[in-house]
């Protein structure tokens, strides 16, 4: 049974925390046990979290570009 707590509105502490919250929201939304209004709030929160994650990834990518003298290199595992 899904929890009935309202979605959080604060910025997540980290990328990993945001991804964990997205996973939890997806589980709740997919269960179909939430009232329609709560589902909408969950969807909105998920959109905020995805935006946060994209911004964090772009920031890291930009830092890598700086470290690689402006050239984004293809990552290959060692």
Protein backbone atom coordinates (compact mmCIF):
# COMPACT_ATOMS: atom_id res chain seq x y z
CA UNK A 1 0.00 0.00 0.00
CA UNK A 2 1.38 3.41 -0.94
CA UNK A 3 2.10 5.99 1.70
CA UNK A 4 -0.20 8.99 1.87
CA UNK A 5 2.49 11.50 2.81
CA UNK A 6 2.58 14.61 0.69
CA UNK A 7 5.53 14.90 -1.67
CA UNK A 8 8.51 16.88 -0.45
CA UNK A 9 8.99 20.34 -1.93
CA UNK A 10 12.52 21.10 -0.70
CA UNK A 11 15.54 20.69 -2.94
CA UNK A 12 17.15 17.29 -2.52
CA UNK A 13 20.45 17.03 -0.66
CA UNK A 14 22.22 15.39 -3.60
CA UNK A 15 21.81 13.84 -7.03
CA UNK A 16 21.63 10.42 -5.42
CA UNK A 17 18.93 11.54 -2.97
CA UNK A 18 16.92 12.97 -5.86
CA UNK A 19 17.18 9.73 -7.83
CA UNK A 20 16.10 7.71 -4.78
CA UNK A 21 13.08 9.97 -4.32
CA UNK A 22 12.21 9.63 -8.02
CA UNK A 23 12.32 5.83 -7.66
CA UNK A 24 10.00 6.01 -4.64
CA UNK A 25 7.59 8.31 -6.47
CA UNK A 26 7.53 6.01 -9.48
CA UNK A 27 6.68 3.05 -7.29
CA UNK A 28 3.86 4.97 -5.65
CA UNK A 29 2.49 6.28 -8.95
CA UNK A 30 2.65 2.87 -10.60
CA UNK A 31 0.81 1.24 -7.71
CA UNK A 32 -2.37 3.09 -8.63
CA UNK A 33 -3.30 3.34 -4.94
CA UNK A 34 -3.00 7.13 -4.74
CA UNK A 35 -5.86 9.61 -5.03
CA UNK A 36 -5.80 11.61 -8.27
CA UNK A 37 -4.73 14.88 -6.61
CA UNK A 38 -1.86 13.16 -4.81
CA UNK A 39 -0.82 11.52 -8.09
CA UNK A 40 -0.65 14.95 -9.71
CA UNK A 41 1.47 16.29 -6.84
CA UNK A 42 3.74 13.26 -7.13
CA UNK A 43 4.10 13.82 -10.87
CA UNK A 44 4.95 17.50 -10.30
CA UNK A 45 7.53 16.58 -7.66
CA UNK A 46 9.04 14.02 -10.00
CA UNK A 47 9.37 16.67 -12.72
CA UNK A 48 11.15 18.98 -10.24
CA UNK A 49 13.53 16.19 -9.24
CA UNK A 50 14.32 15.29 -12.85
CA UNK A 51 15.05 18.96 -13.58
CA UNK A 52 17.36 19.06 -10.54
CA UNK A 53 19.19 15.93 -11.75
CA UNK A 54 19.61 17.31 -15.28
CA UNK A 55 21.02 20.55 -13.89
CA UNK A 56 23.47 18.65 -11.67
CA UNK A 57 24.61 16.50 -14.59
CA UNK A 58 25.11 19.58 -16.79
CA UNK A 59 27.13 21.26 -14.04
CA UNK A 60 29.38 18.22 -13.72
CA UNK A 61 29.75 18.02 -17.50
CA UNK A 62 30.80 21.68 -17.57
CA UNK A 63 33.35 21.07 -14.83
CA UNK A 64 34.78 18.17 -16.83
CA UNK A 65 35.03 20.41 -19.90
CA UNK A 66 37.04 22.92 -17.86
CA UNK A 67 39.32 20.19 -16.55
CA UNK A 68 39.84 18.88 -20.09
CA UNK A 69 40.64 22.37 -21.46
CA UNK A 70 37.26 22.90 -23.07
CA UNK A 71 37.10 19.60 -24.93
CA UNK A 72 34.57 17.05 -23.79
CA UNK A 73 36.23 13.71 -24.24
CA UNK A 74 34.57 10.35 -24.63
CA UNK A 75 34.74 8.44 -21.39
CA UNK A 76 36.20 4.97 -21.62
CA UNK A 77 36.41 2.70 -18.59
CA UNK A 78 39.89 1.47 -17.74
